[in-house]
């Protein structure tokens, strides 16, 4: 019987699949509470490369896979907020040299106890600058003035809570995107969203220059760390991401279960 490392090693160099993008007309659109969109989505055929066989780096590509074993009950909000959030903050701080890191909005997907639904099948970036600054004000309300002028970087940490055998996460090389590829999309109608006060996120429009990667057969002791919006990067070089249908997956494999937590890294510059 193959070990997990052998299975990952034997995965193909690349897979041919599709990525679901938003039409460019989606800029300024919204997502309803029932999950419907005020805009159209479109699927584009892409190549997703096996990043395990390449030399990728967080500072260069915008993402990295790291060994990060933890002992946490991801179905217990108290447990993961008390024990996992500090672990994630330490990880992000060690990788970036940030002065401090806030962790928030952990989401469990898949499994009977999951509240985040199934895999998110659309290319996106979670927050824009307004959203990051609003979140910092929520997370540290007594320090809002102090943190208002700081450089903020949204960094996500994603992992499978069991081995990931289907619907893996694809990440887009931050160097292959342009500012025009990101579209502001609100949660709820502008006149009264279902998540009151929640600022816009960023969906992605198709660009043939996008370079997509994945780490096949991720294990529970591995974490995928990727950089999103950086208020100090005017070029908007950031890592779009989405789950995707891997045509090489075993149709009888276990349903994907994953946990993702958002962080905001604070820098003095």
Protein backbone atom coordinates (compact mmCIF):
# COMPACT_ATOMS: atom_id res chain seq x y z
CA UNK A 1 0.00 0.00 0.00
CA UNK A 2 1.38 3.39 -0.98
CA UNK A 3 2.23 5.93 1.69
CA UNK A 4 0.86 9.47 1.50
CA UNK A 5 4.24 10.80 0.37
CA UNK A 6 4.45 8.18 -2.40
CA UNK A 7 0.94 9.00 -3.59
CA UNK A 8 1.77 12.72 -3.73
CA UNK A 9 5.05 11.99 -5.51
CA UNK A 10 3.28 9.94 -8.19
CA UNK A 11 0.70 12.63 -8.97
CA UNK A 12 0.90 14.02 -12.53
CA UNK A 13 2.99 17.08 -13.33
CA UNK A 14 -0.17 18.93 -14.33
CA UNK A 15 -3.89 18.43 -14.83
CA UNK A 16 -6.26 19.85 -17.42
CA UNK A 17 -9.42 21.20 -15.84
CA UNK A 18 -11.48 24.38 -15.66
CA UNK A 19 -11.53 27.37 -13.31
CA UNK A 20 -14.75 29.25 -12.64
CA UNK A 21 -14.30 33.00 -13.07
CA UNK A 22 -16.62 35.99 -12.85
CA UNK A 23 -17.48 37.96 -15.96
CA UNK A 24 -15.79 41.36 -16.02
CA UNK A 25 -19.21 42.99 -15.81
CA UNK A 26 -19.39 41.60 -12.24
CA UNK A 27 -17.43 44.58 -10.89
CA UNK A 28 -19.75 46.28 -8.40
CA UNK A 29 -22.08 43.28 -8.27
CA UNK A 30 -23.31 41.34 -5.25
CA UNK A 31 -24.00 37.85 -3.92
CA UNK A 32 -27.41 37.09 -2.42
CA UNK A 33 -27.95 35.25 0.88
CA UNK A 34 -29.11 32.18 -1.05
CA UNK A 35 -25.81 32.13 -2.92
CA UNK A 36 -27.12 33.50 -6.23
CA UNK A 37 -25.18 36.18 -8.08
CA UNK A 38 -26.19 39.45 -9.69
CA UNK A 39 -23.68 38.63 -12.44
CA UNK A 40 -22.67 35.71 -14.63
CA UNK A 41 -19.91 33.20 -14.00
CA UNK A 42 -17.88 31.58 -16.77
CA UNK A 43 -15.71 28.48 -16.87
CA UNK A 44 -12.32 28.56 -18.60
CA UNK A 45 -10.09 25.63 -19.45
CA UNK A 46 -6.76 25.87 -17.66
CA UNK A 47 -3.68 23.87 -16.79
CA UNK A 48 -3.06 23.45 -13.06
CA UNK A 49 0.55 22.50 -12.29
CA UNK A 50 1.75 20.21 -9.53
CA UNK A 51 3.63 22.57 -7.20
CA UNK A 52 5.16 19.68 -5.27
CA UNK A 53 7.45 19.14 -8.25
CA UNK A 54 8.46 22.78 -8.55
CA UNK A 55 10.53 25.21 -6.52
CA UNK A 56 7.89 27.64 -5.26
CA UNK A 57 8.38 30.24 -2.54
CA UNK A 58 6.06 32.44 -0.49
CA UNK A 59 7.95 35.67 -1.21
CA UNK A 60 8.14 34.96 -4.95
CA UNK A 61 4.95 33.14 -5.94
CA UNK A 62 2.74 34.31 -3.08
CA UNK A 63 2.19 30.86 -1.58
CA UNK A 64 4.03 28.04 0.17
CA UNK A 65 3.27 24.59 1.56
CA UNK A 66 4.67 24.07 5.07
CA UNK A 67 4.76 21.26 7.60
CA UNK A 68 2.47 22.35 10.42
CA UNK A 69 1.19 19.51 12.63
CA UNK A 70 -1.49 20.52 15.13
CA UNK A 71 -3.81 18.81 17.60
CA UNK A 72 -7.07 20.74 17.31
CA UNK A 73 -10.77 19.90 17.14
CA UNK A 74 -11.82 21.96 14.12
CA UNK A 75 -15.49 21.24 14.80
CA UNK A 76 -15.22 23.07 18.15
CA UNK A 77 -15.12 26.85 17.67
CA UNK A 78 -13.84 27.46 21.20
CA UNK A 79 -11.01 24.97 20.68
CA UNK A 80 -9.80 26.25 17.34
CA UNK A 81 -10.03 29.90 18.39
CA UNK A 82 -8.18 29.26 21.65
CA UNK A 83 -5.55 26.82 20.43
CA UNK A 84 -5.28 27.04 16.64
CA UNK A 85 -5.47 30.79 16.11
CA UNK A 86 -2.32 31.45 18.19
CA UNK A 87 -0.49 28.67 16.29
CA UNK A 88 -1.44 30.25 12.97
CA UNK A 89 -0.38 33.71 14.14
CA UNK A 90 3.03 32.37 15.13
CA UNK A 91 3.39 30.62 11.78
CA UNK A 92 2.53 33.72 9.74
CA UNK A 93 4.73 35.92 11.89
CA UNK A 94 7.70 33.58 11.44
CA UNK A 95 7.20 33.47 7.66
CA UNK A 96 6.78 37.21 7.15
CA UNK A 97 8.50 39.06 9.98
CA UNK A 98 5.26 40.90 10.74
CA UNK A 99 5.09 42.95 13.92
CA UNK A 100 1.86 41.23 14.92
CA UNK A 101 -0.79 39.01 13.38
CA UNK A 102 -4.55 38.76 13.92
CA UNK A 103 -6.38 35.50 13.12
CA UNK A 104 -10.12 35.47 12.47
CA UNK A 105 -13.00 33.96 10.51
CA UNK A 106 -12.03 30.28 10.58
CA UNK A 107 -14.22 28.20 8.27
CA UNK A 108 -14.67 24.42 8.26
CA UNK A 109 -15.84 22.97 4.94
CA UNK A 110 -17.13 19.45 4.33
CA UNK A 111 -18.14 16.85 6.91
CA UNK A 112 -21.27 16.63 9.04
CA UNK A 113 -20.24 19.41 11.44
CA UNK A 114 -19.07 21.88 8.80
CA UNK A 115 -20.71 25.29 8.78
CA UNK A 116 -18.91 26.60 5.70
CA UNK A 117 -20.60 24.34 3.17
CA UNK A 118 -18.68 22.55 0.45
CA UNK A 119 -15.65 23.60 -1.60
CA UNK A 120 -15.76 27.17 -2.94
CA UNK A 121 -15.63 26.80 -6.72
CA UNK A 122 -14.83 30.30 -7.98
CA UNK A 123 -11.60 32.25 -8.31
CA UNK A 124 -11.44 35.02 -5.74
CA UNK A 125 -9.50 37.01 -3.16
CA UNK A 126 -11.24 37.46 0.16
CA UNK A 127 -10.90 41.17 0.95
CA UNK A 128 -9.91 44.53 -0.48
CA UNK A 129 -8.14 47.29 1.47
CA UNK A 130 -11.34 48.76 2.91
CA UNK A 131 -12.30 45.34 4.24
CA UNK A 132 -8.91 44.76 5.85
CA UNK A 133 -8.99 48.09 7.65
CA UNK A 134 -12.56 47.47 8.78
CA UNK A 135 -11.59 44.05 10.14
CA UNK A 136 -8.62 45.48 12.05
CA UNK A 137 -10.93 48.05 13.61
CA UNK A 138 -13.23 45.21 14.69
CA UNK A 139 -10.44 42.99 16.00
CA UNK A 140 -8.63 45.75 17.92
CA UNK A 141 -11.17 48.56 18.46
CA UNK A 142 -9.13 50.21 21.19
CA UNK A 143 -6.15 50.54 18.83
CA UNK A 144 -7.94 51.68 15.69
CA UNK A 145 -6.07 54.98 15.45
CA UNK A 146 -2.68 53.36 16.06
CA UNK A 147 -3.20 50.74 13.34
CA UNK A 148 -4.93 52.99 10.81
CA UNK A 149 -1.75 53.91 8.96
CA UNK A 150 0.02 50.56 9.11
CA UNK A 151 0.71 48.27 6.20
CA UNK A 152 -1.71 45.33 6.37
CA UNK A 153 -1.38 42.03 4.53
CA UNK A 154 -4.17 39.45 4.35
CA UNK A 155 -2.65 35.96 4.57
CA UNK A 156 -4.72 32.78 4.63
CA UNK A 157 -3.77 29.39 6.05
CA UNK A 158 -5.61 26.45 4.47
CA UNK A 159 -5.38 22.76 5.34
CA UNK A 160 -7.20 19.48 4.96
CA UNK A 161 -8.47 18.04 8.21
CA UNK A 162 -8.24 14.64 6.51
CA UNK A 163 -6.10 13.79 3.46
CA UNK A 164 -7.29 15.88 0.50
CA UNK A 165 -8.24 13.44 -2.25
CA UNK A 166 -10.66 15.54 -4.28
CA UNK A 167 -11.48 19.20 -4.96
CA UNK A 168 -7.99 20.41 -4.00
CA UNK A 169 -7.25 24.11 -3.65
CA UNK A 170 -5.66 25.86 -6.62
CA UNK A 171 -3.58 29.00 -6.07
CA UNK A 172 -2.63 31.53 -8.73
CA UNK A 173 0.96 32.76 -8.99
CA UNK A 174 0.81 36.34 -7.70
CA UNK A 175 3.16 37.47 -10.47
CA UNK A 176 0.73 36.36 -13.18
CA UNK A 177 -2.18 38.61 -12.19
CA UNK A 178 -2.90 42.26 -12.88
CA UNK A 179 -4.99 44.79 -10.98
CA UNK A 180 -7.63 44.73 -13.72
CA UNK A 181 -8.31 41.03 -13.03
CA UNK A 182 -9.97 41.76 -9.67
CA UNK A 183 -13.63 42.74 -9.39
CA UNK A 184 -15.28 44.18 -6.26
CA UNK A 185 -18.28 42.11 -5.21
CA UNK A 186 -20.48 42.78 -2.17
CA UNK A 187 -22.16 40.23 0.09
CA UNK A 188 -25.78 41.23 -0.26
CA UNK A 189 -27.50 44.02 -2.12
CA UNK A 190 -25.92 47.46 -1.68
CA UNK A 191 -29.15 48.80 -0.15
CA UNK A 192 -29.19 46.22 2.62
CA UNK A 193 -26.81 43.30 2.56
CA UNK A 194 -27.45 40.08 4.45
CA UNK A 195 -24.13 40.57 6.23
CA UNK A 196 -24.61 44.10 7.42
CA UNK A 197 -21.41 46.12 7.41
CA UNK A 198 -19.41 43.47 5.55
CA UNK A 199 -17.28 45.23 2.91
CA UNK A 200 -16.64 43.94 -0.56
CA UNK A 201 -14.52 41.00 -1.53
CA UNK A 202 -12.69 40.53 -4.81
CA UNK A 203 -13.67 38.04 -7.47
CA UNK A 204 -11.40 37.26 -10.40
CA UNK A 205 -11.93 37.74 -14.13
CA UNK A 206 -10.22 35.44 -16.61
CA UNK A 207 -6.79 36.29 -17.94
CA UNK A 208 -4.85 33.76 -20.05
CA UNK A 209 -1.67 34.86 -18.28
CA UNK A 210 -2.82 33.33 -14.98
CA UNK A 211 -0.58 30.51 -13.75
CA UNK A 212 -2.39 28.02 -11.50
CA UNK A 213 -0.81 25.51 -9.10
CA UNK A 214 -1.90 22.92 -6.54
CA UNK A 215 -0.36 20.56 -4.01
CA UNK A 216 -1.87 17.11 -4.61
CA UNK A 217 -2.85 14.86 -1.71
CA UNK A 218 -2.30 17.40 1.04
CA UNK A 219 -2.03 15.78 4.46
CA UNK A 220 -3.46 17.01 7.80
CA UNK A 221 0.05 17.95 9.00
CA UNK A 222 0.53 20.31 6.03
CA UNK A 223 -0.70 23.88 5.63
CA UNK A 224 -0.94 25.99 2.49
CA UNK A 225 -0.10 29.61 3.29
CA UNK A 226 -0.89 32.24 0.68
CA UNK A 227 -0.75 36.02 0.44
CA UNK A 228 -3.81 38.01 -0.54
CA UNK A 229 -4.37 41.77 -0.43
CA UNK A 230 -1.33 43.80 0.61
CA UNK A 231 -1.98 47.50 1.26
CA UNK A 232 1.70 48.15 0.47
CA UNK A 233 1.55 46.59 -3.00
CA UNK A 234 0.02 49.04 -5.50
CA UNK A 235 0.32 46.45 -8.30
CA UNK A 236 -2.17 44.17 -6.49
CA UNK A 237 0.14 41.15 -6.81
CA UNK A 238 -1.79 38.61 -4.76
CA UNK A 239 -2.83 34.98 -4.81
CA UNK A 240 -6.24 34.21 -6.20
CA UNK A 241 -7.56 30.83 -5.14
CA UNK A 242 -10.36 28.36 -5.71
CA UNK A 243 -11.22 24.72 -5.30
CA UNK A 244 -11.30 22.84 -8.59
CA UNK A 245 -12.46 19.53 -10.02
CA UNK A 246 -9.41 17.30 -10.33
CA UNK A 247 -10.15 14.87 -13.18
CA UNK A 248 -7.57 12.43 -11.79
CA UNK A 249 -9.33 12.08 -8.41
CA UNK A 250 -10.73 8.73 -7.37
CA UNK A 251 -14.54 9.08 -7.66
CA UNK A 252 -14.89 6.94 -4.53
CA UNK A 253 -12.49 8.96 -2.41
CA UNK A 254 -13.53 10.55 0.87
CA UNK A 255 -15.42 13.83 0.73
CA UNK A 256 -13.03 16.75 1.13
CA UNK A 257 -12.85 18.29 4.60
CA UNK A 258 -10.81 21.44 5.08
CA UNK A 259 -10.26 24.32 7.44
CA UNK A 260 -9.21 27.83 6.46
CA UNK A 261 -8.41 30.76 8.69
CA UNK A 262 -7.81 34.36 7.63
CA UNK A 263 -5.07 36.46 9.15
CA UNK A 264 -4.03 40.08 8.94
CA UNK A 265 -0.30 40.68 9.32
CA UNK A 266 0.65 44.16 10.53
CA UNK A 267 3.90 45.84 9.48
CA UNK A 268 5.41 49.11 10.64
CA UNK A 269 6.29 50.43 7.19
